[in-house]
Protein backbone atom coordinates (compact mmCIF):
# COMPACT_ATOMS: atom_id res chain seq x y z
CA MET A 1 2.95 6.43 64.55
CA PRO A 2 5.20 4.34 66.81
CA SER A 3 8.01 6.37 68.48
CA ASN A 4 9.34 7.05 71.95
CA VAL A 5 6.67 9.82 72.02
CA LEU A 6 3.35 9.11 70.31
CA THR A 7 2.67 11.81 67.65
CA THR A 8 -0.41 12.29 65.53
CA VAL A 9 -0.33 14.20 62.24
CA LYS A 10 -3.35 15.33 60.29
CA ALA A 11 -4.50 13.93 57.05
CA GLY A 12 -2.95 15.49 54.08
CA THR A 13 0.31 16.27 55.97
CA THR A 14 3.35 15.91 53.80
CA LEU A 15 5.97 13.59 55.26
CA GLN A 16 9.53 13.02 53.93
CA VAL A 17 9.94 9.29 53.44
CA ILE A 18 13.42 8.07 54.40
CA GLU A 19 13.04 4.42 53.66
CA ARG A 20 10.53 1.57 53.64
CA ILE A 21 10.88 -1.34 56.07
CA GLY A 22 8.33 -4.06 55.61
CA VAL A 23 4.89 -2.59 55.89
CA TRP A 24 6.24 0.61 57.51
CA TYR A 25 7.61 3.86 56.10
CA ARG A 26 10.36 5.65 58.19
CA VAL A 27 9.59 9.32 57.83
CA ARG A 28 10.90 12.66 58.90
CA LEU A 29 8.26 14.66 60.95
CA PRO A 30 7.09 18.04 59.58
CA ASN A 31 8.46 21.30 60.95
CA ASP A 32 11.21 19.44 62.78
CA SER A 33 13.86 17.69 60.68
CA THR A 34 15.44 16.21 63.75
CA ARG A 35 12.59 14.01 64.58
CA VAL A 36 11.74 10.80 62.78
CA GLY A 37 9.05 8.16 63.11
CA PHE A 38 7.17 5.23 61.57
CA ILE A 39 3.82 5.08 59.78
CA LEU A 40 2.01 2.19 58.12
CA ALA A 41 2.48 2.13 54.38
CA ARG A 42 -1.20 1.70 53.75
CA GLN A 43 -1.88 4.98 55.43
CA VAL A 44 0.37 6.88 53.07
CA GLU A 45 -0.43 8.20 49.49
CA PRO A 46 2.66 8.80 47.35
CA GLY A 47 3.06 12.26 45.92
CA GLY A 48 2.09 15.80 47.12
CA PRO A 49 4.02 18.98 46.90
CA GLY A 50 7.68 18.39 47.29
CA ALA A 51 7.17 14.76 47.93
CA GLY A 52 9.24 12.22 46.08
CA THR A 53 8.26 8.70 45.14
CA PRO A 54 8.75 6.49 48.16
CA PRO A 55 11.78 4.24 48.00
CA PRO A 56 11.23 0.54 47.57
CA GLU A 57 11.36 -1.87 50.33
CA SER A 58 14.85 -2.40 51.49
CA ARG A 59 16.05 -5.90 50.47
CA PRO A 60 19.38 -7.60 50.58
CA ALA A 61 21.45 -6.78 47.51
CA GLN A 62 21.41 -9.68 44.98
CA SER A 63 24.66 -10.46 43.33
CA ARG A 64 24.66 -10.59 39.51
CA PRO A 65 26.79 -12.99 37.60
CA SER A 66 29.98 -11.42 36.33
CA THR A 67 30.61 -10.89 32.71
CA ALA A 68 33.22 -13.76 32.82
CA ALA A 69 30.68 -16.08 34.43
CA ARG A 70 28.09 -15.39 31.76
CA ARG A 71 30.60 -15.88 28.99
CA GLY A 72 31.92 -19.09 30.47
CA PRO A 73 35.56 -20.04 31.17
CA PRO A 74 38.28 -18.41 28.99
CA ARG A 75 39.40 -20.26 25.86
CA ARG A 76 42.42 -22.45 26.29
CA ALA A 77 45.27 -22.51 23.71
CA PHE A 78 48.43 -24.56 23.02
CA LEU A 79 51.74 -23.86 21.34
CA ALA A 80 54.21 -26.62 20.45
CA ALA A 81 57.50 -26.82 18.74
CA SER A 82 59.32 -30.05 17.91
CA GLY A 83 62.12 -31.72 15.87
CA GLY A 84 61.85 -35.08 14.16
CA TYR A 85 62.54 -37.02 11.05
CA LEU A 86 60.85 -38.99 8.26
CA PRO A 87 61.55 -42.62 9.11
CA SER A 88 60.36 -44.11 5.75
CA PRO A 89 62.16 -42.68 2.67
CA LEU A 90 59.70 -42.03 -0.25
CA GLN A 91 60.59 -43.65 -3.64
CA PHE A 92 59.21 -42.85 -7.02
CA ASP A 93 60.25 -42.97 -10.67
CA ASN A 94 59.61 -41.48 -14.09
CA THR A 95 60.32 -42.60 -17.59
CA VAL A 96 60.89 -40.38 -20.58
CA THR A 97 61.64 -41.03 -24.26
CA PHE A 98 64.03 -39.35 -26.60
CA THR A 99 65.24 -39.60 -30.21
CA GLU A 100 68.80 -40.44 -31.07
CA PHE A 101 70.25 -41.90 -34.23
CA VAL A 102 66.75 -41.76 -35.80
CA GLU A 103 65.40 -44.16 -33.20
CA GLN A 104 63.53 -43.75 -29.93
CA GLY A 105 65.31 -44.48 -26.77
CA SER A 106 64.03 -44.39 -23.15
CA ARG A 107 65.33 -43.34 -19.71
CA LYS A 108 63.88 -44.50 -16.39
CA THR A 109 64.96 -42.57 -13.37
CA THR A 110 64.14 -43.93 -9.89
CA TYR A 111 64.40 -41.43 -7.03
CA THR A 112 64.85 -42.20 -3.40
CA ASN A 113 64.40 -39.46 -0.88
CA GLN A 114 66.97 -39.67 1.96
CA ARG A 115 65.86 -39.50 5.63
CA SER A 116 65.90 -35.79 6.64
CA ALA A 117 65.26 -33.80 9.70
CA VAL A 118 61.89 -32.19 10.21
CA VAL A 119 61.00 -28.85 12.08
CA ASP A 120 57.42 -28.60 13.22
CA VAL A 121 55.50 -25.73 14.92
CA SER A 122 51.82 -25.93 15.83
CA TYR A 123 49.26 -23.73 17.50
CA GLY A 124 45.61 -24.22 18.53
CA VAL A 125 42.65 -22.39 20.16
CA GLU A 126 39.85 -24.26 21.92
CA ILE A 127 36.44 -23.94 20.33
CA HIS A 128 34.39 -26.00 22.86
CA GLY A 129 34.93 -28.76 25.30
CA GLY A 130 38.49 -29.72 24.36
CA LEU A 131 37.92 -29.33 20.55
CA PHE A 132 40.57 -27.03 19.13
CA ALA A 133 40.99 -25.32 15.80
CA ALA A 134 44.69 -25.97 15.09
CA GLY A 135 47.42 -25.50 12.44
CA ALA A 136 50.91 -26.83 12.02
CA VAL A 137 53.81 -25.80 9.80
CA THR A 138 56.41 -28.47 8.82
CA ARG A 139 59.62 -28.08 6.92
CA SER A 140 61.94 -30.84 5.70
CA THR A 141 65.19 -30.02 3.92
CA GLY A 142 67.31 -32.79 2.51
CA SER A 143 68.37 -34.62 -0.60
CA ALA A 144 67.47 -37.40 -3.01
CA ASP A 145 69.47 -40.01 -4.97
CA ALA A 146 68.49 -40.98 -8.48
CA ARG A 147 69.31 -44.19 -10.30
CA ILE A 148 69.40 -44.00 -14.13
CA ASP A 149 68.60 -46.88 -16.41
CA GLU A 150 68.64 -45.78 -20.11
CA GLN A 151 68.23 -47.63 -23.38
CA VAL A 152 70.43 -45.91 -25.99
CA PRO A 153 69.99 -46.57 -29.67
CA HIS A 154 72.91 -47.94 -31.64
CA PRO A 155 74.44 -45.58 -34.21
CA PHE A 156 74.65 -48.20 -37.00
CA GLN A 157 72.17 -51.03 -36.10
CA PHE A 158 68.44 -50.59 -35.75
CA ASN A 159 66.68 -52.20 -32.72
CA GLN A 160 69.97 -52.74 -31.09
CA MET A 161 69.56 -50.88 -27.82
CA ARG A 162 72.65 -50.30 -25.52
CA THR A 163 72.13 -50.21 -21.81
CA LEU A 164 73.27 -47.31 -19.73
CA THR A 165 73.31 -47.18 -15.94
CA GLY A 166 74.34 -44.36 -13.68
CA ALA A 167 73.43 -42.32 -10.61
CA ALA A 168 72.98 -38.80 -9.55
CA THR A 169 73.28 -38.25 -5.82
CA ASP A 170 72.55 -35.40 -3.36
CA LEU A 171 69.85 -33.81 -5.48
CA PRO A 172 68.45 -30.92 -3.34
CA ARG A 173 64.99 -31.28 -1.89
CA ASP A 174 62.91 -28.72 0.19
CA GLU A 175 59.40 -29.60 1.34
CA ILE A 176 57.05 -27.29 3.28
CA ALA A 177 53.67 -28.37 4.53
CA VAL A 178 50.92 -26.42 6.23
CA HIS A 179 48.47 -28.68 8.11
CA VAL A 180 44.91 -27.34 8.99
CA GLN A 181 43.36 -29.45 11.74
CA ALA A 182 40.46 -30.16 14.05
CA ALA A 183 42.07 -31.43 17.17
CA GLN A 184 40.61 -33.04 20.25
CA LEU A 185 42.63 -32.80 23.49
CA LEU A 186 41.88 -35.53 26.09
CA LYS A 187 43.11 -35.36 29.63
CA ILE A 188 43.84 -38.92 30.96
CA ASN A 189 45.01 -37.47 34.19
CA LYS A 190 46.76 -34.36 35.60
CA ARG A 191 50.05 -35.19 33.92
CA LEU A 192 49.06 -37.28 30.90
CA HIS A 193 47.33 -35.77 27.97
CA VAL A 194 46.53 -37.11 24.49
CA LEU A 195 45.75 -35.15 21.29
CA VAL A 196 44.22 -36.54 18.15
CA ALA A 197 43.80 -34.39 14.99
CA ALA A 198 43.14 -34.45 11.29
CA GLY A 199 42.49 -32.16 8.39
CA PRO A 200 43.70 -30.98 5.06
CA SER A 201 47.42 -30.28 4.16
CA PHE A 202 48.90 -27.90 1.69
CA PHE A 203 52.36 -28.87 0.31
CA LYS A 204 55.09 -27.13 -1.68
CA LEU A 205 57.98 -29.11 -2.95
CA LYS A 206 61.15 -27.77 -4.61
CA GLN A 207 63.38 -30.64 -5.89
CA ALA A 208 66.00 -31.33 -8.57
CA PHE A 209 65.20 -33.92 -11.28
CA VAL A 210 67.39 -35.53 -13.93
CA THR A 211 66.70 -34.07 -17.45
CA ASP A 212 69.58 -35.51 -19.50
CA VAL A 213 72.73 -37.70 -19.25
CA ALA A 214 76.14 -37.58 -20.81
CA TYR A 215 78.07 -40.74 -21.80
CA THR A 216 81.07 -41.88 -23.79
CA GLN A 217 81.21 -44.62 -26.47
CA GLU A 218 84.02 -46.18 -28.54
CA TYR A 219 84.09 -48.20 -31.77
CA PRO A 220 82.32 -50.47 -32.54
CA TYR A 221 79.88 -48.52 -30.36
CA ASP A 222 78.27 -51.56 -28.85
CA THR A 223 78.53 -50.20 -25.27
CA VAL A 224 78.11 -46.76 -23.65
CA THR A 225 79.63 -45.51 -20.36
CA PHE A 226 77.87 -43.02 -18.05
CA THR A 227 79.70 -39.81 -17.20
CA SER A 228 77.30 -37.34 -15.79
CA ALA A 229 73.63 -36.16 -15.35
CA THR A 230 71.99 -32.82 -16.04
CA THR A 231 69.45 -31.79 -13.53
CA GLU A 232 66.78 -29.10 -13.19
CA LEU A 233 65.25 -27.66 -10.03
CA GLN A 234 61.39 -27.61 -10.29
CA GLU A 235 58.69 -26.43 -7.78
CA GLU A 236 55.05 -27.45 -7.50
CA ASN A 237 52.13 -27.24 -4.98
CA ALA A 238 49.34 -29.71 -4.10
CA VAL A 239 46.61 -30.28 -1.50
CA GLY A 240 46.46 -33.53 0.54
CA ALA A 241 45.40 -34.62 4.03
CA ASN A 242 46.88 -35.50 7.45
CA ALA A 243 46.05 -37.31 10.63
CA GLN A 244 48.01 -36.98 13.91
CA ALA A 245 48.34 -38.41 17.43
CA ASP A 246 50.22 -36.78 20.29
CA LEU A 247 51.23 -38.06 23.64
CA ILE A 248 51.83 -35.19 26.10
CA ILE A 249 53.51 -35.61 29.47
CA MET A 250 53.08 -32.43 31.64
CA VAL A 251 56.14 -31.57 33.54
CA ALA A 252 54.85 -28.41 34.93
CA LYS A 253 51.37 -26.58 35.13
CA HIS A 254 51.56 -25.28 31.58
CA VAL A 255 54.54 -27.11 30.05
CA GLY A 256 54.78 -30.63 28.74
CA VAL A 257 56.98 -32.99 26.63
CA ASP A 258 55.21 -33.63 23.26
CA LEU A 259 55.64 -36.90 21.48
CA THR A 260 54.23 -36.54 17.97
CA THR A 261 53.23 -39.04 15.20
CA ARG A 262 51.67 -37.68 11.99
CA PHE A 263 50.82 -39.18 8.61
CA SER A 264 50.29 -36.88 5.67
CA ARG A 265 50.14 -37.41 1.97
CA ALA A 266 49.69 -35.54 -1.32
CA MET A 267 50.75 -36.12 -4.91
CA LEU A 268 52.41 -33.49 -6.96
CA LYS A 269 52.59 -33.51 -10.73
CA PHE A 270 55.92 -32.49 -12.42
CA SER A 271 57.10 -32.33 -16.04
CA GLY A 272 59.57 -34.69 -17.54
CA SER A 273 62.22 -33.81 -20.00
CA ASP A 274 60.01 -35.01 -22.86
CA GLY A 275 57.00 -32.99 -21.78
CA SER A 276 55.25 -35.81 -20.13
CA GLY A 277 54.06 -35.62 -16.60
CA PHE A 278 55.02 -37.74 -13.58
CA ARG A 279 53.71 -37.81 -10.05
CA VAL A 280 55.81 -37.28 -6.89
CA PRO A 281 54.54 -38.20 -3.45
CA VAL A 282 55.11 -35.82 -0.50
CA GLY A 283 54.46 -36.22 3.19
CA GLY A 284 54.57 -39.69 4.73
CA TRP A 285 55.19 -40.67 8.35
CA GLN A 286 56.68 -38.13 10.62
CA VAL A 287 57.79 -38.72 14.22
CA GLY A 288 59.15 -36.04 16.53
CA ILE A 289 59.62 -34.85 20.17
CA GLY A 290 59.38 -31.33 21.50
CA LEU A 291 57.80 -29.07 23.99
CA ARG A 292 54.26 -27.88 24.35
CA GLY A 293 52.68 -25.11 26.24
CA GLU A 294 49.05 -25.32 27.32
CA PHE A 295 47.39 -22.03 28.53
């Protein structure tokens, strides 16, 4: 046993092992706890009365990967809010029939939705490698104008229709859309990002439609003059689709200016005054500008 003073112990002597260093055990000598020494590990048998299991060889501590490292980088997210408008007004029409003076007349109403402001809020969470599960809510509140072209039967002559024209303006219109998207965020450079997205859209439209007209006529009743229109507010829901592209200019580490272009479309079915159905388009092109936060 190497030490400043060579000491020999008898076989079977119980030694207290302090640590193992390579092929040596560092031990405390019997009957004198102040003295320590070294003995070859091959000369020692573990165990014995009061003896514990020798400690393993001392080795440099190995660092373990942290939980965060094992799970990968934290998920990113974005939140955006923007204002915009619908640059292309939607136009549609419906035709209904009615009976007057024992004859069938018809009325065609052509609706033109006026350009209206749009408020848009979107949020997304990264799934993997820049692919985000995202959603956006859009609301557009405005009005529509209606042109009325009606063929009114003559009270005394069969097959002698009288033409009536009129207009109903500022018919209230409220459209809400929820867009569910798979979105890919592409970083062109540190300041310039591009986002492309697509998915299904869920629309709810509340709009007023013309249900009847009032007119005046004078003898010999060959002409009629429009006076007013009766309207009714209806509400319907439908499912459609959307596609979107954003150009994002980062002005700070987590904040950017967001230029948005989105096209969405769905067709809603409403009921005419004669019980027939007609289809109304919703969505269309939407452009806007706002702020985006990326975290």
